[in-house]
C-alpha atoms as a PDB file:
ATOM      1  CA  UNK A   1     114.395 -96.387 -40.899  1.00  0.00           C
ATOM      2  CA  UNK A   2     114.009 -93.224 -43.041  1.00  0.00           C
ATOM      3  CA  UNK A   3     113.251 -93.929 -46.745  1.00  0.00           C
ATOM      4  CA  UNK A   4     115.678 -90.987 -47.708  1.00  0.00           C
ATOM      5  CA  UNK A   5     118.570 -92.786 -45.826  1.00  0.00           C
ATOM      6  CA  UNK A   6     119.027 -95.902 -47.929  1.00  0.00           C
ATOM      7  CA  UNK A   7     121.100 -98.813 -46.951  1.00  0.00           C
ATOM      8  CA  UNK A   8     124.078 -99.080 -48.983  1.00  0.00           C
ATOM      9  CA  UNK A   9     123.063-102.158 -51.108  1.00  0.00           C
ATOM     10  CA  UNK A  10     119.689-103.037 -52.423  1.00  0.00           C
ATOM     11  CA  UNK A  11     118.071-106.381 -51.443  1.00  0.00           C
ATOM     12  CA  UNK A  12     116.565-107.099 -54.678  1.00  0.00           C
ATOM     13  CA  UNK A  13     113.653-106.251 -56.844  1.00  0.00           C
ATOM     14  CA  UNK A  14     109.843-106.619 -56.361  1.00  0.00           C
ATOM     15  CA  UNK A  15     106.818-106.274 -58.550  1.00  0.00           C
ATOM     16  CA  UNK A  16     103.774-104.431 -57.767  1.00  0.00           C
ATOM     17  CA  UNK A  17     100.670-106.656 -57.489  1.00  0.00           C
ATOM     18  CA  UNK A  18      97.972-104.347 -57.050  1.00  0.00           C
ATOM     19  CA  UNK A  19      96.279-101.885 -59.570  1.00  0.00           C
ATOM     20  CA  UNK A  20      97.820 -98.837 -57.523  1.00  0.00           C
ATOM     21  CA  UNK A  21     100.245 -98.858 -54.698  1.00  0.00           C
ATOM     22  CA  UNK A  22     100.773 -95.850 -52.511  1.00  0.00           C
ATOM     23  CA  UNK A  23     104.181 -95.083 -51.613  1.00  0.00           C
ATOM     24  CA  UNK A  24     104.413 -93.252 -48.134  1.00  0.00           C
ATOM     25  CA  UNK A  25     106.781 -91.160 -46.496  1.00  0.00           C
ATOM     26  CA  UNK A  26     106.767 -93.468 -43.418  1.00  0.00           C
ATOM     27  CA  UNK A  27     105.657 -97.066 -42.789  1.00  0.00           C
ATOM     28  CA  UNK A  28     102.022 -96.294 -41.531  1.00  0.00           C
ATOM     29  CA  UNK A  29      98.822 -96.204 -43.477  1.00  0.00           C
ATOM     30  CA  UNK A  30      98.270 -92.849 -42.138  1.00  0.00           C
ATOM     31  CA  UNK A  31     101.558 -91.271 -43.478  1.00  0.00           C
ATOM     32  CA  UNK A  32     101.813 -88.950 -46.408  1.00  0.00           C
ATOM     33  CA  UNK A  33     101.432 -90.466 -49.868  1.00  0.00           C
ATOM     34  CA  UNK A  34     104.451 -89.453 -51.734  1.00  0.00           C
ATOM     35  CA  UNK A  35     103.419 -91.022 -54.873  1.00  0.00           C
ATOM     36  CA  UNK A  36     102.005 -94.175 -56.578  1.00  0.00           C
ATOM     37  CA  UNK A  37     103.159 -97.236 -58.285  1.00  0.00           C
ATOM     38  CA  UNK A  38     101.156 -99.209 -61.025  1.00  0.00           C
ATOM     39  CA  UNK A  39     100.510-102.873 -61.538  1.00  0.00           C
ATOM     40  CA  UNK A  40     103.235-105.026 -62.701  1.00  0.00           C
ATOM     41  CA  UNK A  41     106.003-102.264 -62.115  1.00  0.00           C
ATOM     42  CA  UNK A  42     109.237-103.386 -61.238  1.00  0.00           C
ATOM     43  CA  UNK A  43     110.969-101.746 -57.957  1.00  0.00           C
ATOM     44  CA  UNK A  44     114.210-101.938 -56.251  1.00  0.00           C
ATOM     45  CA  UNK A  45     113.950-103.094 -52.532  1.00  0.00           C
ATOM     46  CA  UNK A  46     116.261-101.460 -50.134  1.00  0.00           C
ATOM     47  CA  UNK A  47     114.829-102.829 -46.937  1.00  0.00           C
ATOM     48  CA  UNK A  48     111.868-104.798 -45.568  1.00  0.00           C
ATOM     49  CA  UNK A  49     110.512-104.152 -42.118  1.00  0.00           C
ATOM     50  CA  UNK A  50     107.546-105.296 -40.186  1.00  0.00           C
ATOM     51  CA  UNK A  51     105.057-105.405 -43.362  1.00  0.00           C
ATOM     52  CA  UNK A  52     106.736-102.651 -45.189  1.00  0.00           C
ATOM     53  CA  UNK A  53     109.380-102.156 -47.725  1.00  0.00           C
ATOM     54  CA  UNK A  54     111.647 -99.288 -48.883  1.00  0.00           C
ATOM     55  CA  UNK A  55     111.255 -99.235 -52.471  1.00  0.00           C
ATOM     56  CA  UNK A  56     112.490 -97.036 -55.432  1.00  0.00           C
ATOM     57  CA  UNK A  57     111.211 -97.278 -59.187  1.00  0.00           C
ATOM     58  CA  UNK A  58     113.137 -96.194 -62.379  1.00  0.00           C
ATOM     59  CA  UNK A  59     111.817 -92.630 -62.016  1.00  0.00           C
ATOM     60  CA  UNK A  60     113.486 -92.239 -58.546  1.00  0.00           C
ATOM     61  CA  UNK A  61     110.157 -92.310 -56.561  1.00  0.00           C
ATOM     62  CA  UNK A  62     111.416 -93.673 -53.244  1.00  0.00           C
ATOM     63  CA  UNK A  63     109.348 -94.406 -50.031  1.00  0.00           C
ATOM     64  CA  UNK A  64     107.577 -97.035 -48.069  1.00  0.00           C
ATOM     65  CA  UNK A  65     104.937 -99.426 -49.476  1.00  0.00           C
ATOM     66  CA  UNK A  66     103.047-102.045 -47.941  1.00  0.00           C
ATOM     67  CA  UNK A  67     104.527-105.596 -48.725  1.00  0.00           C
ATOM     68  CA  UNK A  68     101.027-106.923 -49.065  1.00  0.00           C
ATOM     69  CA  UNK A  69     100.932-105.437 -52.591  1.00  0.00           C
ATOM     70  CA  UNK A  70     104.397-106.504 -53.694  1.00  0.00           C
ATOM     71  CA  UNK A  71     105.620-109.853 -55.274  1.00  0.00           C
ATOM     72  CA  UNK A  72     108.888-109.955 -53.296  1.00  0.00           C
ATOM     73  CA  UNK A  73     110.052-113.242 -54.781  1.00  0.00           C
ATOM     74  CA  UNK A  74     112.837-114.896 -52.805  1.00  0.00           C
ATOM     75  CA  UNK A  75     112.907-111.713 -50.336  1.00  0.00           C
ATOM     76  CA  UNK A  76     111.807-112.325 -46.861  1.00  0.00           C
ATOM     77  CA  UNK A  77     108.905-110.052 -45.916  1.00  0.00           C
END
């Protein structure tokens, strides 16, 4: 799934649990970093797939982040 082709509706929100969380162009640790999120930042979750989530923050930064560093609450990771 391409992070720029977002699903019609968001699945909810999540909170960043790490100090800094890289947001990547693709769901791989080797993918290009397009930005970073900071601890306690709340993001919209558009999709979750195989340990990765497509997230978007209030500034519009959108991409893939590891669910290992997100508190997804009731969302299924």
